[in-house]
């Protein structure tokens, strides 16, 4: 079965940076489009960044220019570099194969002064 483990979240001040990691297992990463998703308290889970198997990327308007998604297929890992963090970025962040409906635990990102 596909397994994904997110890590790298934490408490940061506005303007700070974090790098989230998603280590995958159970499948060959290079064949899949991968995404990072955000779920703020009381809200729906939304796609914030996507990277396809050809490394083409898509970002939500709210994070464009601040976040960068990347992948290292050899390490079975997807990353989300988060810069210039804002309070409104506070959420649980999930990594998943795009279109997959099963989710892991995610990693909490809290941006607060």
C-alpha atoms as a PDB file:
ATOM      1  CA  UNK A   1       0.000   0.000   0.000  1.00  0.00           C
ATOM      2  CA  UNK A   2       1.030   3.586  -0.564  1.00  0.00           C
ATOM      3  CA  UNK A   3       2.330   5.233   2.565  1.00  0.00           C
ATOM      4  CA  UNK A   4       3.273   8.857   2.997  1.00  0.00           C
ATOM      5  CA  UNK A   5       4.801  10.479   6.047  1.00  0.00           C
ATOM      6  CA  UNK A   6       4.871  14.254   6.329  1.00  0.00           C
ATOM      7  CA  UNK A   7       7.301  16.095   8.542  1.00  0.00           C
ATOM      8  CA  UNK A   8       8.911  19.469   8.995  1.00  0.00           C
ATOM      9  CA  UNK A   9       6.055  21.473  10.427  1.00  0.00           C
ATOM     10  CA  UNK A  10       6.328  23.615  13.487  1.00  0.00           C
ATOM     11  CA  UNK A  11       5.804  27.007  15.022  1.00  0.00           C
ATOM     12  CA  UNK A  12       7.325  29.932  13.172  1.00  0.00           C
ATOM     13  CA  UNK A  13       6.983  33.682  13.227  1.00  0.00           C
ATOM     14  CA  UNK A  14       5.474  35.604  10.326  1.00  0.00           C
ATOM     15  CA  UNK A  15       8.070  36.007   7.612  1.00  0.00           C
ATOM     16  CA  UNK A  16       9.829  32.815   8.600  1.00  0.00           C
ATOM     17  CA  UNK A  17      10.461  29.681   6.592  1.00  0.00           C
ATOM     18  CA  UNK A  18       9.875  25.970   6.847  1.00  0.00           C
ATOM     19  CA  UNK A  19      10.696  23.028   4.645  1.00  0.00           C
ATOM     20  CA  UNK A  20       8.184  20.219   4.687  1.00  0.00           C
ATOM     21  CA  UNK A  21       9.145  16.731   3.621  1.00  0.00           C
ATOM     22  CA  UNK A  22       7.024  13.840   2.468  1.00  0.00           C
ATOM     23  CA  UNK A  23       8.635  10.433   2.384  1.00  0.00           C
ATOM     24  CA  UNK A  24       6.740   7.885   0.338  1.00  0.00           C
ATOM     25  CA  UNK A  25       6.737   4.128   0.174  1.00  0.00           C
ATOM     26  CA  UNK A  26       4.749   1.379  -1.462  1.00  0.00           C
ATOM     27  CA  UNK A  27       4.946   2.793  -4.973  1.00  0.00           C
ATOM     28  CA  UNK A  28       7.359   4.278  -7.460  1.00  0.00           C
ATOM     29  CA  UNK A  29       7.210   8.002  -6.906  1.00  0.00           C
ATOM     30  CA  UNK A  30       8.388   9.113 -10.321  1.00  0.00           C
ATOM     31  CA  UNK A  31       5.205   7.885 -12.000  1.00  0.00           C
ATOM     32  CA  UNK A  32       2.832  10.016  -9.938  1.00  0.00           C
ATOM     33  CA  UNK A  33       1.724  13.601  -9.701  1.00  0.00           C
ATOM     34  CA  UNK A  34       2.184  14.691  -6.101  1.00  0.00           C
ATOM     35  CA  UNK A  35       0.540  17.465  -4.200  1.00  0.00           C
ATOM     36  CA  UNK A  36       0.717  19.362  -0.961  1.00  0.00           C
ATOM     37  CA  UNK A  37      -2.618  20.220   0.600  1.00  0.00           C
ATOM     38  CA  UNK A  38      -3.626  22.664   3.285  1.00  0.00           C
ATOM     39  CA  UNK A  39      -6.439  22.282   5.769  1.00  0.00           C
ATOM     40  CA  UNK A  40      -7.021  25.201   8.086  1.00  0.00           C
ATOM     41  CA  UNK A  41      -9.152  24.776  11.178  1.00  0.00           C
ATOM     42  CA  UNK A  42     -12.808  24.486  10.259  1.00  0.00           C
ATOM     43  CA  UNK A  43     -12.161  24.622   6.523  1.00  0.00           C
ATOM     44  CA  UNK A  44     -11.850  22.275   3.588  1.00  0.00           C
ATOM     45  CA  UNK A  45      -8.632  20.697   2.486  1.00  0.00           C
ATOM     46  CA  UNK A  46      -7.252  22.534  -0.526  1.00  0.00           C
ATOM     47  CA  UNK A  47      -4.449  21.847  -2.938  1.00  0.00           C
ATOM     48  CA  UNK A  48      -1.709  24.425  -2.565  1.00  0.00           C
ATOM     49  CA  UNK A  49       1.025  22.982  -4.760  1.00  0.00           C
ATOM     50  CA  UNK A  50       1.345  20.189  -7.284  1.00  0.00           C
ATOM     51  CA  UNK A  51       4.249  18.637  -9.086  1.00  0.00           C
ATOM     52  CA  UNK A  52       3.711  16.283 -11.976  1.00  0.00           C
ATOM     53  CA  UNK A  53       5.885  13.392 -13.016  1.00  0.00           C
ATOM     54  CA  UNK A  54       7.529  15.680 -15.580  1.00  0.00           C
ATOM     55  CA  UNK A  55       8.258  18.181 -12.769  1.00  0.00           C
ATOM     56  CA  UNK A  56       5.763  20.710 -14.062  1.00  0.00           C
ATOM     57  CA  UNK A  57       4.343  22.614 -11.088  1.00  0.00           C
ATOM     58  CA  UNK A  58       1.124  24.390 -10.185  1.00  0.00           C
ATOM     59  CA  UNK A  59       0.499  26.639  -7.193  1.00  0.00           C
ATOM     60  CA  UNK A  60      -2.532  28.185  -5.603  1.00  0.00           C
ATOM     61  CA  UNK A  61      -2.708  31.949  -5.832  1.00  0.00           C
ATOM     62  CA  UNK A  62      -2.264  32.326  -2.103  1.00  0.00           C
ATOM     63  CA  UNK A  63       1.173  30.685  -2.057  1.00  0.00           C
ATOM     64  CA  UNK A  64       2.510  31.499  -5.506  1.00  0.00           C
ATOM     65  CA  UNK A  65       5.879  33.165  -5.249  1.00  0.00           C
ATOM     66  CA  UNK A  66       6.370  32.045  -1.659  1.00  0.00           C
ATOM     67  CA  UNK A  67       6.207  28.250  -1.749  1.00  0.00           C
ATOM     68  CA  UNK A  68       8.153  25.854  -3.924  1.00  0.00           C
ATOM     69  CA  UNK A  69       7.318  22.205  -4.436  1.00  0.00           C
ATOM     70  CA  UNK A  70      10.009  19.813  -5.545  1.00  0.00           C
ATOM     71  CA  UNK A  71      10.645  16.110  -5.723  1.00  0.00           C
ATOM     72  CA  UNK A  72      13.576  13.779  -5.413  1.00  0.00           C
ATOM     73  CA  UNK A  73      12.497  10.520  -6.950  1.00  0.00           C
ATOM     74  CA  UNK A  74      15.665   8.730  -5.923  1.00  0.00           C
ATOM     75  CA  UNK A  75      14.903   9.528  -2.289  1.00  0.00           C
ATOM     76  CA  UNK A  76      11.159   8.926  -2.654  1.00  0.00           C
ATOM     77  CA  UNK A  77      10.589  12.362  -1.195  1.00  0.00           C
ATOM     78  CA  UNK A  78       8.519  15.416  -2.042  1.00  0.00           C
ATOM     79  CA  UNK A  79       9.337  18.773  -0.491  1.00  0.00           C
ATOM     80  CA  UNK A  80       7.528  22.011   0.113  1.00  0.00           C
ATOM     81  CA  UNK A  81       9.752  24.984   0.764  1.00  0.00           C
ATOM     82  CA  UNK A  82       7.683  27.617   2.514  1.00  0.00           C
ATOM     83  CA  UNK A  83       9.043  31.144   2.655  1.00  0.00           C
ATOM     84  CA  UNK A  84       7.613  34.456   3.801  1.00  0.00           C
ATOM     85  CA  UNK A  85       5.090  32.636   5.926  1.00  0.00           C
ATOM     86  CA  UNK A  86       1.923  34.428   6.920  1.00  0.00           C
ATOM     87  CA  UNK A  87      -0.464  33.866   9.784  1.00  0.00           C
ATOM     88  CA  UNK A  88      -3.065  32.710   7.288  1.00  0.00           C
ATOM     89  CA  UNK A  89      -0.756  29.875   6.237  1.00  0.00           C
ATOM     90  CA  UNK A  90      -1.470  28.208   9.562  1.00  0.00           C
ATOM     91  CA  UNK A  91      -2.910  24.779   8.846  1.00  0.00           C
ATOM     92  CA  UNK A  92      -2.230  21.097   8.753  1.00  0.00           C
ATOM     93  CA  UNK A  93      -0.309  20.262   5.605  1.00  0.00           C
ATOM     94  CA  UNK A  94      -0.748  16.946   3.863  1.00  0.00           C
ATOM     95  CA  UNK A  95       1.158  15.278   1.095  1.00  0.00           C
ATOM     96  CA  UNK A  96      -0.553  12.878  -1.260  1.00  0.00           C
ATOM     97  CA  UNK A  97      -0.701  11.404  -4.691  1.00  0.00           C
ATOM     98  CA  UNK A  98      -2.999  13.698  -6.650  1.00  0.00           C
ATOM     99  CA  UNK A  99      -6.443  12.123  -6.760  1.00  0.00           C
ATOM    100  CA  UNK A 100      -5.845   9.751  -3.873  1.00  0.00           C
ATOM    101  CA  UNK A 101      -8.546   9.846  -1.213  1.00  0.00           C
ATOM    102  CA  UNK A 102      -6.680   8.300   1.689  1.00  0.00           C
ATOM    103  CA  UNK A 103      -4.731  10.675   3.868  1.00  0.00           C
ATOM    104  CA  UNK A 104      -1.966  10.505   6.389  1.00  0.00           C
ATOM    105  CA  UNK A 105      -1.556  12.448   9.589  1.00  0.00           C
ATOM    106  CA  UNK A 106      -0.185  15.595   8.029  1.00  0.00           C
ATOM    107  CA  UNK A 107       2.145  18.039   9.713  1.00  0.00           C
ATOM    108  CA  UNK A 108       1.042  21.113  11.621  1.00  0.00           C
ATOM    109  CA  UNK A 109       2.315  24.502  10.532  1.00  0.00           C
ATOM    110  CA  UNK A 110       1.581  27.356  12.886  1.00  0.00           C
ATOM    111  CA  UNK A 111       2.567  30.891  11.993  1.00  0.00           C
ATOM    112  CA  UNK A 112       2.247  33.212  14.943  1.00  0.00           C
ATOM    113  CA  UNK A 113       4.032  36.104  16.545  1.00  0.00           C
END
